[in-house]
Amino acid sequence: MTADILASGGVVVRPGRGGEPEVLVVHRPKYDDWSLPKGKEEAGESAEQAAVREVEEETGHRARIVARLPDARYSVGPQSKLVRWFLMRPIGNGAFVPDDEVDQVRWVNLDEAAELVDYRHDRELLADPRVRSAARSGSVFLLRHAAAGSRQSWEGDDRLRPLTGKGRRQSAELASSLGQRGVTRIMSSAYVRCVQTVEPLAETLGLEVETHPLLAEGSDVRALADLVSGLAGAEAVMCSHGDMIPGVLERLSNAGTELRSPTGSFDCKKGSVWTVELEEGRPTVATYSPPPEVSAQPR
């Protein structure tokens, strides 16, 4: 039997202090209740589209769907209501504006959320093991800087060597592709060519570029591999160099991470990306994507 009312909602989870998951809950003044964000689907919307829209409208947070959760069906007076639920991860930092529908938003840990929410079906969703594991899962995008001028022909400090025109076009394409991956953090070597590679992405997403010494040439590969593993719970871009990324991949491979590339080796062309999937805090699979195809000269 089709429900009279169709709605969609999101269990939005992020890693909190110490890696413990936090979930987003809302207070509705009309009902004086705490619940998970949800709302009625609009004509022509899919359940997924409605869930993403409702979460943003109620909380100010953009989010992406990572899994489908069990539906909830219950009565609302003489009508029946079906809520399609989705597990979500936030994208960037939201800006909540209170209104008549939702006047408070909180990030709370799962135990606090289970006590705070007023409805049994919300508590059942929070008990789903996928909610807890989502805070320790994510992706790290190991990006080698885009095309730069020749090291041999550059006369100044090599740390200041910039991208070429081709490199700038590659960085624009990378911003377009990575901008759709729910990136929440951008880290880079302080070398100019690396920072320039991720600047268009940072501008697109409204994120800061964090420079990190371990991403520079000649750094400690073991420490960088540990840093990659420690980013579980994030969707992070790390822009580095041709000596560092293969070294990190070798260490991950030796620890059991499956490498997927056309050649079966540590490919690392300028502008290429290795997507490292993290599950329960452990790198499981790394997949190679070649550099974006751009013309050598502007048209």
Protein backbone atom coordinates (compact mmCIF):
# COMPACT_ATOMS: atom_id res chain seq x y z
CA MET A 1 0.00 0.00 0.00
CA THR A 2 1.34 3.43 -0.97
CA ALA A 3 1.73 5.90 1.88
CA ASP A 4 -0.38 9.06 1.89
CA ILE A 5 2.67 11.16 2.77
CA LEU A 6 6.16 10.64 1.31
CA ALA A 7 9.13 12.19 3.05
CA SER A 8 12.92 11.86 3.08
CA GLY A 9 15.56 12.55 5.68
CA GLY A 10 19.21 12.26 6.53
CA VAL A 11 21.33 10.89 9.35
CA VAL A 12 24.26 13.28 8.94
CA VAL A 13 27.40 12.03 10.66
CA ARG A 14 30.91 13.39 11.11
CA PRO A 15 33.93 12.43 13.24
CA GLY A 16 33.97 14.29 16.53
CA ARG A 17 36.68 14.62 19.14
CA GLY A 18 38.75 11.48 19.40
CA GLY A 19 37.16 10.13 16.24
CA GLU A 20 33.84 9.37 17.94
CA PRO A 21 30.92 10.03 15.58
CA GLU A 22 28.67 13.03 15.98
CA VAL A 23 25.23 13.29 14.43
CA LEU A 24 23.17 16.32 13.47
CA VAL A 25 19.82 16.79 15.27
CA VAL A 26 17.22 19.55 15.02
CA HIS A 27 14.70 21.13 17.37
CA ARG A 28 11.25 21.98 15.99
CA PRO A 29 9.51 24.67 18.06
CA LYS A 30 6.05 23.79 16.71
CA TYR A 31 6.26 20.36 18.31
CA ASP A 32 8.92 21.16 20.92
CA ASP A 33 10.77 18.00 19.89
CA TRP A 34 14.25 16.89 18.87
CA SER A 35 14.55 14.75 15.76
CA LEU A 36 16.65 13.94 12.73
CA PRO A 37 16.23 16.34 9.78
CA LYS A 38 13.56 15.31 7.29
CA GLY A 39 10.70 16.71 5.24
CA LYS A 40 8.09 16.04 2.59
CA GLU A 41 9.19 15.24 -0.92
CA GLU A 42 8.28 17.77 -3.61
CA ALA A 43 6.75 16.92 -6.96
CA GLY A 44 9.31 15.55 -9.40
CA GLU A 45 11.96 14.93 -6.74
CA SER A 46 13.63 11.62 -6.10
CA ALA A 47 13.88 10.46 -2.50
CA GLU A 48 17.63 11.20 -2.61
CA GLN A 49 17.13 14.73 -3.91
CA ALA A 50 14.50 15.45 -1.28
CA ALA A 51 16.72 14.19 1.54
CA VAL A 52 19.67 16.35 0.50
CA ARG A 53 17.43 19.40 0.07
CA GLU A 54 15.63 18.94 3.39
CA VAL A 55 18.87 18.51 5.31
CA GLU A 56 20.27 21.72 3.86
CA GLU A 57 17.05 23.67 4.39
CA GLU A 58 16.66 22.58 8.01
CA THR A 59 20.29 22.64 9.14
CA GLY A 60 22.21 24.87 6.72
CA HIS A 61 24.55 21.95 5.99
CA ARG A 62 25.18 20.60 2.52
CA ALA A 63 25.62 16.83 2.66
CA ARG A 64 26.18 13.89 0.37
CA ILE A 65 24.56 10.47 0.58
CA VAL A 66 26.80 7.53 1.40
CA ALA A 67 24.23 4.78 2.07
CA ARG A 68 20.54 3.97 2.21
CA LEU A 69 19.10 3.30 5.67
CA PRO A 70 15.86 1.50 6.57
CA ASP A 71 12.60 3.29 5.81
CA ALA A 72 10.23 4.33 8.58
CA ARG A 73 6.47 3.94 8.21
CA TYR A 74 3.99 5.23 10.75
CA SER A 75 0.58 6.86 11.13
CA VAL A 76 -0.03 10.60 11.21
CA GLY A 77 -3.65 10.91 12.30
CA PRO A 78 -5.79 9.19 9.65
CA GLN A 79 -2.90 9.12 7.16
CA SER A 80 0.17 6.93 6.80
CA LYS A 81 3.65 8.37 6.32
CA LEU A 82 6.70 6.79 4.69
CA VAL A 83 10.10 8.36 5.37
CA ARG A 84 13.04 7.26 3.22
CA TRP A 85 16.24 7.64 5.23
CA PHE A 86 19.81 8.11 4.04
CA LEU A 87 23.18 8.09 5.76
CA MET A 88 25.03 11.30 4.88
CA ARG A 89 28.36 13.05 5.32
CA PRO A 90 28.55 16.87 5.53
CA ILE A 91 30.33 18.86 2.82
CA GLY A 92 32.21 21.82 4.28
CA ASN A 93 30.82 23.91 7.12
CA GLY A 94 27.19 24.89 7.15
CA ALA A 95 25.59 28.18 8.19
CA PHE A 96 22.42 27.56 10.19
CA VAL A 97 19.71 30.23 10.23
CA PRO A 98 16.87 29.56 12.72
CA ASP A 99 13.27 29.88 11.52
CA ASP A 100 9.76 28.85 12.52
CA GLU A 101 10.35 25.22 11.51
CA VAL A 102 13.75 24.63 13.11
CA ASP A 103 15.12 26.96 15.78
CA GLN A 104 18.11 24.90 17.02
CA VAL A 105 20.66 22.56 15.47
CA ARG A 106 23.18 20.50 17.42
CA TRP A 107 26.08 18.15 16.72
CA VAL A 108 25.99 15.53 19.47
CA ASN A 109 27.57 12.11 19.95
CA LEU A 110 25.46 9.03 19.30
CA ASP A 111 24.69 8.31 22.95
CA GLU A 112 23.55 11.89 23.55
CA ALA A 113 21.52 11.87 20.35
CA ALA A 114 19.74 8.64 21.34
CA GLU A 115 18.68 10.25 24.61
CA LEU A 116 17.80 13.59 23.05
CA VAL A 117 15.57 12.55 20.13
CA ASP A 118 11.90 12.03 20.90
CA TYR A 119 11.01 9.24 18.49
CA ARG A 120 11.68 5.51 18.58
CA HIS A 121 12.34 5.26 14.82
CA ASP A 122 15.03 7.93 15.12
CA ARG A 123 16.73 5.96 17.89
CA GLU A 124 16.58 2.82 15.76
CA LEU A 125 18.35 4.63 12.92
CA LEU A 126 21.06 5.88 15.27
CA ALA A 127 21.69 2.31 16.42
CA ASP A 128 22.46 1.15 12.86
CA PRO A 129 26.16 0.08 12.89
CA ARG A 130 26.76 1.89 9.60
CA VAL A 131 26.20 5.22 11.33
CA ARG A 132 29.14 4.66 13.66
CA SER A 133 31.41 3.26 10.96
CA ALA A 134 30.74 6.22 8.64
CA ALA A 135 32.73 8.48 10.98
CA ARG A 136 35.81 6.32 10.38
CA SER A 137 35.40 5.90 6.66
CA GLY A 138 36.16 8.26 3.82
CA SER A 139 38.55 8.98 0.97
CA VAL A 140 41.94 10.59 0.62
CA PHE A 141 42.81 11.92 -2.83
CA LEU A 142 46.58 11.80 -3.32
CA LEU A 143 47.17 14.37 -6.03
CA ARG A 144 50.50 14.98 -7.73
CA HIS A 145 50.87 18.63 -8.67
CA ALA A 146 49.96 19.59 -12.24
CA ALA A 147 52.46 20.34 -15.01
CA ALA A 148 55.16 22.82 -13.98
CA GLY A 149 58.13 24.26 -15.78
CA SER A 150 61.34 22.26 -16.19
CA ARG A 151 63.37 21.85 -13.02
CA GLN A 152 66.59 22.12 -15.09
CA SER A 153 65.64 25.40 -16.76
CA TRP A 154 64.30 27.05 -13.59
CA GLU A 155 66.98 29.35 -12.15
CA GLY A 156 65.38 30.37 -8.87
CA ASP A 157 64.42 28.52 -5.69
CA ASP A 158 62.76 25.31 -6.88
CA ARG A 159 60.09 25.67 -4.21
CA LEU A 160 58.86 28.73 -6.14
CA ARG A 161 58.64 27.04 -9.56
CA PRO A 162 55.07 27.67 -10.83
CA LEU A 163 52.66 25.76 -13.02
CA THR A 164 52.79 26.13 -16.77
CA GLY A 165 49.76 27.09 -18.83
CA LYS A 166 49.03 23.40 -19.26
CA GLY A 167 49.31 22.91 -15.51
CA ARG A 168 46.82 25.69 -14.85
CA ARG A 169 44.37 24.10 -17.26
CA GLN A 170 44.87 20.77 -15.54
CA SER A 171 44.19 22.37 -12.16
CA ALA A 172 40.93 23.82 -13.47
CA GLU A 173 39.83 20.38 -14.69
CA LEU A 174 40.82 18.83 -11.37
CA ALA A 175 38.73 21.41 -9.55
CA SER A 176 35.75 20.37 -11.65
CA SER A 177 36.18 16.63 -11.06
CA LEU A 178 37.25 16.68 -7.41
CA GLY A 179 34.66 19.34 -6.65
CA GLN A 180 31.99 16.65 -7.06
CA ARG A 181 33.56 14.24 -4.56
CA GLY A 182 32.42 15.82 -1.31
CA VAL A 183 35.87 17.12 -0.37
CA THR A 184 35.94 18.62 3.12
CA ARG A 185 39.66 19.32 3.52
CA ILE A 186 42.50 20.41 1.19
CA MET A 187 46.13 19.88 2.21
CA SER A 188 49.20 20.70 0.16
CA SER A 189 52.95 20.91 0.05
CA ALA A 190 53.99 24.54 0.49
CA TYR A 191 55.76 24.45 -2.90
CA VAL A 192 54.15 26.96 -5.26
CA ARG A 193 53.31 24.37 -7.93
CA CYS A 194 51.36 22.29 -5.42
CA VAL A 195 49.46 25.20 -3.92
CA GLN A 196 48.57 26.49 -7.39
CA THR A 197 47.27 23.04 -8.31
CA VAL A 198 44.64 23.02 -5.55
CA GLU A 199 43.78 26.73 -5.43
CA PRO A 200 40.96 26.46 -8.03
CA LEU A 201 39.44 23.56 -6.07
CA ALA A 202 39.69 25.51 -2.81
CA GLU A 203 37.99 28.50 -4.44
CA THR A 204 35.26 26.29 -5.87
CA LEU A 205 34.50 24.69 -2.50
CA GLY A 206 35.16 27.69 -0.27
CA LEU A 207 37.87 25.82 1.64
CA GLU A 208 41.30 26.89 2.84
CA VAL A 209 44.49 25.30 1.55
CA GLU A 210 46.38 23.85 4.53
CA THR A 211 50.11 23.53 3.86
CA HIS A 212 51.77 20.58 5.60
CA PRO A 213 55.52 19.88 5.82
CA LEU A 214 55.08 16.12 5.32
CA LEU A 215 53.77 16.77 1.80
CA ALA A 216 56.99 18.49 0.68
CA GLU A 217 59.65 16.77 -1.40
CA GLY A 218 62.06 14.56 0.56
CA SER A 219 59.81 14.24 3.62
CA ASP A 220 59.30 11.22 5.85
CA VAL A 221 57.28 8.73 3.76
CA ARG A 222 56.37 6.60 6.79
CA ALA A 223 54.99 9.61 8.65
CA LEU A 224 53.02 10.71 5.58
CA ALA A 225 51.51 7.23 5.19
CA ASP A 226 50.45 7.40 8.84
CA LEU A 227 48.92 10.83 8.19
CA VAL A 228 46.88 9.41 5.31
CA SER A 229 45.52 6.64 7.53
CA GLY A 230 44.78 9.18 10.25
CA LEU A 231 42.41 11.11 7.99
CA ALA A 232 39.66 8.51 8.33
CA GLY A 233 36.35 10.31 8.53
CA ALA A 234 37.35 13.04 6.10
CA GLU A 235 37.19 13.51 2.35
CA ALA A 236 40.63 15.03 1.95
CA VAL A 237 42.79 16.12 -0.97
CA MET A 238 46.56 15.92 -0.37
CA CYS A 239 48.73 17.52 -3.05
CA SER A 240 52.33 16.37 -3.10
CA HIS A 241 55.25 15.35 -5.31
CA GLY A 242 56.51 12.51 -7.49
CA ASP A 243 58.87 11.19 -4.84
CA MET A 244 56.35 11.12 -1.99
CA ILE A 245 53.17 9.62 -3.46
CA PRO A 246 54.73 6.39 -4.83
CA GLY A 247 56.53 5.92 -1.51
CA VAL A 248 53.27 6.24 0.41
CA LEU A 249 51.54 3.82 -1.96
CA GLU A 250 54.31 1.28 -1.49
CA ARG A 251 53.93 1.42 2.28
CA LEU A 252 50.13 1.13 2.02
CA SER A 253 50.45 -1.79 -0.38
CA ASN A 254 52.86 -3.59 1.94
CA ALA A 255 50.30 -3.14 4.73
CA GLY A 256 47.53 -4.76 2.66
CA THR A 257 45.96 -1.94 0.65
CA GLU A 258 44.84 -3.13 -2.79
CA LEU A 259 46.28 -1.01 -5.63
CA ARG A 260 44.25 -0.59 -8.79
CA SER A 261 46.04 0.92 -11.78
CA PRO A 262 46.34 -0.01 -15.47
CA THR A 263 49.98 -1.01 -15.09
CA GLY A 264 49.78 -2.47 -11.60
CA SER A 265 52.53 -0.11 -10.47
CA PHE A 266 52.83 3.16 -8.58
CA ASP A 267 51.88 5.39 -11.53
CA CYS A 268 52.22 9.05 -10.63
CA LYS A 269 52.05 11.40 -13.60
CA LYS A 270 51.70 15.13 -12.99
CA GLY A 271 48.05 15.94 -12.37
CA SER A 272 47.13 12.32 -11.57
CA VAL A 273 45.10 11.25 -8.54
CA TRP A 274 45.18 8.15 -6.37
CA THR A 275 41.88 7.72 -4.48
CA VAL A 276 42.56 5.90 -1.21
CA GLU A 277 39.41 4.47 0.38
CA LEU A 278 39.41 4.29 4.17
CA GLU A 279 37.12 1.89 6.01
CA GLU A 280 37.03 1.74 9.80
CA GLY A 281 40.22 3.78 9.86
CA ARG A 282 42.15 1.44 7.53
CA PRO A 283 43.16 2.12 3.90
CA THR A 284 41.62 -0.71 1.88
CA VAL A 285 41.79 0.22 -1.82
CA ALA A 286 43.75 2.82 -3.82
CA THR A 287 42.64 3.55 -7.38
CA TYR A 288 44.64 5.48 -9.97
CA SER A 289 43.12 8.19 -12.19
CA PRO A 290 45.31 9.62 -14.96
CA PRO A 291 45.82 13.37 -15.39
CA PRO A 292 42.98 15.29 -17.05
CA GLU A 293 43.43 15.62 -20.79
CA VAL A 294 44.05 19.24 -21.73
CA SER A 295 45.70 20.86 -24.70
CA ALA A 296 49.37 21.74 -24.45
CA GLN A 297 48.61 25.23 -25.72
CA PRO A 298 45.51 27.36 -25.12
CA ARG A 299 43.09 27.46 -28.03
